[in-house]
């Protein structure tokens, strides 16, 4: 009880110290550490940890909403994750499907439009259908939630390049002139979320200090915060600390 009170006081202090005009417009978050959390806490199965993690993700959306963060991109499943054994993946897919059933209502509450990004064609049909149904039920909003699923940053750049070349060919640009029409601005317009600004802050949990390919193109000038706790144990105070660190940094954008 006393510890909880101290945390609430600390949270209020962190919140009061945040300058609203310095908060990120677009936050990327890597929901890492579910299996490690299950082992550390002695949970009966990974599914228990997955459920806690997705509930925490819904909490996270509420925290971002409180601060009026315009856009959130969350990485819930990588292409590399698909190589894991079915006894690990199937429970996670089940938990994700349950989450997707709740997301439209949550997004409506937070005035968010919902989009799934990634190589959905490589995912199980039931999971893809749940994602598409969630998008169809979403009524849109002034803010954005991207759920990256079956996502790989290199693949996104490859897909963007293919889309750009296809468009150039369709418009009649000769093959020997195409390189003159391929530049950073053109590629950016073909990324999965070309209508969003580049990500300002990326948060990764579980103590891993790398991006693993998340938003490779969009993170050229991002700030990174690597948090030791596993995602299911991520707290509002951890989020506020990450924002405190972000707002205290002087961003140079390569200059």
Protein backbone atom coordinates (compact mmCIF):
# COMPACT_ATOMS: atom_id res chain seq x y z
CA UNK A 1 0.00 0.00 0.00
CA UNK A 2 2.76 2.42 1.01
CA UNK A 3 4.84 1.50 -2.03
CA UNK A 4 1.86 2.08 -4.31
CA UNK A 5 1.31 5.51 -2.79
CA UNK A 6 4.96 6.40 -3.32
CA UNK A 7 4.75 5.36 -6.96
CA UNK A 8 1.65 7.49 -7.51
CA UNK A 9 3.40 10.49 -5.96
CA UNK A 10 6.44 9.82 -8.14
CA UNK A 11 4.25 9.50 -11.24
CA UNK A 12 2.59 12.84 -10.52
CA UNK A 13 6.02 14.40 -10.12
CA UNK A 14 7.19 12.97 -13.46
CA UNK A 15 4.00 14.05 -15.18
CA UNK A 16 4.25 17.58 -13.83
CA UNK A 17 7.79 17.86 -15.17
CA UNK A 18 6.88 17.00 -18.76
CA UNK A 19 6.66 19.89 -21.21
CA UNK A 20 3.72 19.15 -23.51
CA UNK A 21 5.31 20.94 -26.46
CA UNK A 22 8.35 18.63 -26.25
CA UNK A 23 6.44 15.34 -26.18
CA UNK A 24 6.87 12.99 -29.15
CA UNK A 25 4.32 13.05 -31.95
CA UNK A 26 4.94 9.43 -32.88
CA UNK A 27 6.03 6.70 -30.45
CA UNK A 28 7.21 3.26 -31.49
CA UNK A 29 7.14 0.50 -28.90
CA UNK A 30 8.60 -3.01 -29.05
CA UNK A 31 6.61 -5.33 -26.77
CA UNK A 32 9.50 -7.61 -25.86
CA UNK A 33 10.05 -10.09 -23.04
CA UNK A 34 6.87 -12.14 -22.65
CA UNK A 35 8.63 -15.50 -22.40
CA UNK A 36 11.27 -14.15 -20.04
CA UNK A 37 8.53 -12.69 -17.85
CA UNK A 38 6.76 -16.05 -17.68
CA UNK A 39 9.97 -17.79 -16.59
CA UNK A 40 10.94 -15.07 -14.11
CA UNK A 41 7.50 -15.05 -12.48
CA UNK A 42 7.03 -18.81 -12.55
CA UNK A 43 3.82 -18.55 -14.58
CA UNK A 44 2.16 -21.83 -15.60
CA UNK A 45 2.43 -21.09 -19.32
CA UNK A 46 3.54 -18.49 -21.82
CA UNK A 47 -0.13 -17.79 -22.54
CA UNK A 48 -0.50 -16.31 -19.06
CA UNK A 49 2.33 -13.90 -19.83
CA UNK A 50 0.91 -13.06 -23.27
CA UNK A 51 -2.43 -12.19 -21.70
CA UNK A 52 -0.80 -9.93 -19.13
CA UNK A 53 1.26 -8.31 -21.89
CA UNK A 54 -1.72 -7.53 -24.11
CA UNK A 55 -3.63 -6.13 -21.13
CA UNK A 56 -0.59 -3.96 -20.45
CA UNK A 57 -0.65 -2.83 -24.08
CA UNK A 58 -4.21 -1.61 -23.60
CA UNK A 59 -3.02 0.23 -20.50
CA UNK A 60 -0.23 1.76 -22.57
CA UNK A 61 -2.73 3.10 -25.10
CA UNK A 62 -4.56 4.76 -22.22
CA UNK A 63 -1.35 6.35 -20.96
CA UNK A 64 -0.57 7.67 -24.45
CA UNK A 65 -4.11 8.98 -24.71
CA UNK A 66 -3.78 10.89 -21.43
CA UNK A 67 -0.85 12.77 -22.94
CA UNK A 68 -2.54 13.16 -26.34
CA UNK A 69 0.26 11.41 -28.23
CA UNK A 70 -0.87 11.63 -31.89
CA UNK A 71 0.52 8.29 -33.13
CA UNK A 72 1.67 4.96 -31.69
CA UNK A 73 3.27 2.11 -33.63
CA UNK A 74 3.50 -1.16 -31.70
CA UNK A 75 5.50 -4.21 -32.82
CA UNK A 76 3.67 -7.31 -31.63
CA UNK A 77 5.06 -9.96 -33.99
CA UNK A 78 8.22 -10.09 -36.10
CA UNK A 79 8.84 -12.14 -39.21
CA UNK A 80 11.56 -13.97 -37.28
CA UNK A 81 9.05 -14.87 -34.53
CA UNK A 82 7.27 -17.10 -37.05
CA UNK A 83 10.15 -19.59 -36.84
CA UNK A 84 9.30 -20.39 -33.21
CA UNK A 85 7.62 -23.72 -32.39
CA UNK A 86 3.85 -23.92 -32.69
CA UNK A 87 3.43 -24.58 -28.97
CA UNK A 88 4.73 -21.04 -28.39
CA UNK A 89 3.09 -19.33 -31.37
CA UNK A 90 -0.42 -20.79 -31.24
CA UNK A 91 -1.20 -19.46 -27.73
CA UNK A 92 0.15 -16.06 -28.73
CA UNK A 93 -1.99 -16.00 -31.86
CA UNK A 94 -5.03 -16.82 -29.71
CA UNK A 95 -4.26 -13.94 -27.33
CA UNK A 96 -3.70 -11.55 -30.25
CA UNK A 97 -7.04 -12.52 -31.79
CA UNK A 98 -8.73 -11.74 -28.47
CA UNK A 99 -6.92 -8.38 -28.35
CA UNK A 100 -7.99 -7.48 -31.88
CA UNK A 101 -11.59 -8.09 -30.87
CA UNK A 102 -11.24 -5.40 -28.19
CA UNK A 103 -9.14 -2.87 -30.09
CA UNK A 104 -11.91 -1.19 -32.14
CA UNK A 105 -13.78 -0.22 -28.97
CA UNK A 106 -10.55 0.93 -27.33
CA UNK A 107 -9.61 2.97 -30.40
CA UNK A 108 -13.06 4.56 -30.49
CA UNK A 109 -12.62 5.58 -26.84
CA UNK A 110 -9.25 7.16 -27.66
CA UNK A 111 -10.22 8.67 -31.04
CA UNK A 112 -7.70 6.50 -32.90
CA UNK A 113 -7.70 5.02 -36.36
CA UNK A 114 -6.35 1.48 -36.50
CA UNK A 115 -4.06 -0.02 -39.13
CA UNK A 116 -2.13 -3.27 -39.29
CA UNK A 117 1.21 -3.18 -41.09
CA UNK A 118 3.61 -5.94 -42.10
CA UNK A 119 3.67 -9.07 -44.24
CA UNK A 120 0.18 -10.23 -43.32
CA UNK A 121 0.21 -12.74 -46.18
CA UNK A 122 2.72 -14.83 -44.21
CA UNK A 123 0.47 -15.13 -41.14
CA UNK A 124 -2.20 -17.68 -40.22
CA UNK A 125 -5.56 -17.02 -41.84
CA UNK A 126 -7.45 -16.72 -38.56
CA UNK A 127 -5.07 -14.06 -37.28
CA UNK A 128 -5.28 -12.07 -40.51
CA UNK A 129 -9.07 -12.27 -40.56
CA UNK A 130 -9.22 -10.97 -36.98
CA UNK A 131 -6.95 -8.05 -37.94
CA UNK A 132 -9.01 -7.18 -41.01
CA UNK A 133 -12.24 -7.38 -39.02
CA UNK A 134 -10.78 -5.04 -36.39
CA UNK A 135 -9.84 -2.55 -39.11
CA UNK A 136 -13.31 -2.82 -40.65
CA UNK A 137 -14.98 -2.17 -37.28
CA UNK A 138 -12.74 0.84 -36.58
CA UNK A 139 -14.50 4.15 -37.19
CA UNK A 140 -11.31 6.15 -37.63
CA UNK A 141 -10.07 9.00 -35.50
CA UNK A 142 -7.80 11.99 -35.28
CA UNK A 143 -4.97 9.90 -33.86
CA UNK A 144 -3.34 6.70 -35.15
CA UNK A 145 -2.50 3.24 -33.88
CA UNK A 146 -0.32 1.04 -36.07
CA UNK A 147 0.01 -2.62 -35.09
CA UNK A 148 3.10 -4.12 -36.74
CA UNK A 149 2.56 -7.84 -37.24
CA UNK A 150 4.68 -10.14 -39.35
CA UNK A 151 6.75 -7.00 -39.73
CA UNK A 152 10.38 -6.63 -40.80
CA UNK A 153 12.08 -3.30 -41.43
CA UNK A 154 14.17 -4.57 -44.33
CA UNK A 155 11.10 -6.11 -45.95
CA UNK A 156 9.27 -2.79 -45.66
CA UNK A 157 12.06 -1.06 -47.59
CA UNK A 158 12.08 -3.83 -50.20
CA UNK A 159 8.29 -3.54 -50.59
CA UNK A 160 8.51 0.24 -50.88
CA UNK A 161 11.16 -0.06 -53.60
CA UNK A 162 9.07 -2.56 -55.54
CA UNK A 163 6.00 -0.33 -55.27
CA UNK A 164 7.93 2.70 -56.47
CA UNK A 165 9.48 0.85 -59.42
CA UNK A 166 6.07 -0.58 -60.35
CA UNK A 167 4.54 2.91 -60.31
CA UNK A 168 7.37 4.31 -62.43
CA UNK A 169 6.99 1.49 -64.96
CA UNK A 170 3.23 2.02 -65.11
CA UNK A 171 3.76 5.70 -65.81
CA UNK A 172 5.99 4.86 -68.76
CA UNK A 173 9.45 5.59 -67.33
CA UNK A 174 12.03 3.55 -69.34
CA UNK A 175 14.11 1.05 -67.39
CA UNK A 176 17.36 2.85 -68.17
CA UNK A 177 15.97 6.08 -66.67
CA UNK A 178 14.42 4.67 -63.50
CA UNK A 179 17.40 5.33 -61.24
CA UNK A 180 16.98 9.04 -61.91
CA UNK A 181 13.48 8.87 -60.39
CA UNK A 182 14.35 6.86 -57.26
CA UNK A 183 15.24 8.98 -54.27
CA UNK A 184 14.60 9.12 -50.51
CA UNK A 185 11.49 11.25 -50.85
CA UNK A 186 9.99 8.90 -53.40
CA UNK A 187 10.71 5.80 -51.30
CA UNK A 188 9.27 7.42 -48.19
CA UNK A 189 5.95 7.82 -49.98
CA UNK A 190 5.72 4.04 -50.39
CA UNK A 191 6.43 2.95 -46.81
CA UNK A 192 3.65 1.12 -44.98
CA UNK A 193 2.65 4.29 -43.11
CA UNK A 194 3.67 7.00 -45.53
CA UNK A 195 0.99 9.30 -44.11
CA UNK A 196 2.62 9.40 -40.67
CA UNK A 197 5.62 11.45 -39.57
CA UNK A 198 8.84 9.59 -38.76
CA UNK A 199 8.91 8.06 -35.31
CA UNK A 200 10.31 10.40 -32.63
CA UNK A 201 10.82 7.93 -29.79
CA UNK A 202 11.23 4.15 -29.76
CA UNK A 203 10.83 2.26 -26.49
CA UNK A 204 12.00 -1.33 -26.21
CA UNK A 205 11.53 -3.47 -23.12
CA UNK A 206 13.31 -6.56 -21.73
CA UNK A 207 16.80 -5.05 -21.60
CA UNK A 208 17.64 -5.58 -25.27
CA UNK A 209 19.54 -2.58 -26.65
CA UNK A 210 18.85 -2.94 -30.35
CA UNK A 211 16.07 -2.22 -32.84
CA UNK A 212 16.06 -5.65 -34.52
CA UNK A 213 14.81 -3.96 -37.69
CA UNK A 214 11.87 -2.03 -36.25
CA UNK A 215 10.97 1.00 -38.38
CA UNK A 216 14.43 1.09 -39.94
CA UNK A 217 13.58 3.82 -42.41
CA UNK A 218 11.50 5.95 -40.06
CA UNK A 219 13.96 5.81 -37.13
CA UNK A 220 16.90 7.58 -38.81
CA UNK A 221 16.67 10.45 -36.31
CA UNK A 222 14.67 8.78 -33.54
CA UNK A 223 15.56 8.79 -29.88
CA UNK A 224 15.75 5.38 -28.19
CA UNK A 225 14.93 4.29 -24.66
CA UNK A 226 15.79 0.71 -23.68
CA UNK A 227 14.02 -0.44 -20.53
CA UNK A 228 15.21 -3.39 -18.43
CA UNK A 229 11.76 -4.65 -17.42
CA UNK A 230 9.91 -7.19 -19.55
CA UNK A 231 6.85 -5.91 -21.38
CA UNK A 232 4.20 -7.53 -19.11
CA UNK A 233 5.83 -5.74 -16.14
CA UNK A 234 6.10 -2.36 -17.90
CA UNK A 235 4.46 0.32 -15.75
CA UNK A 236 3.13 3.80 -16.26
CA UNK A 237 6.09 5.09 -14.28
CA UNK A 238 8.44 3.42 -16.80
CA UNK A 239 6.58 5.16 -19.62
CA UNK A 240 6.79 8.54 -17.90
CA UNK A 241 10.51 8.04 -17.26
CA UNK A 242 11.02 7.32 -20.95
CA UNK A 243 9.18 10.52 -21.84
CA UNK A 244 11.20 12.47 -19.28
CA UNK A 245 14.41 11.20 -20.89
CA UNK A 246 13.12 12.07 -24.36
CA UNK A 247 12.06 15.61 -23.46
CA UNK A 248 15.41 16.29 -21.82
CA UNK A 249 17.41 15.47 -24.95
CA UNK A 250 18.50 18.00 -27.55
CA UNK A 251 17.51 16.56 -30.91
CA UNK A 252 19.85 17.47 -33.78
CA UNK A 253 18.33 15.49 -36.68
CA UNK A 254 21.78 14.76 -38.05
CA UNK A 255 22.91 18.40 -38.04
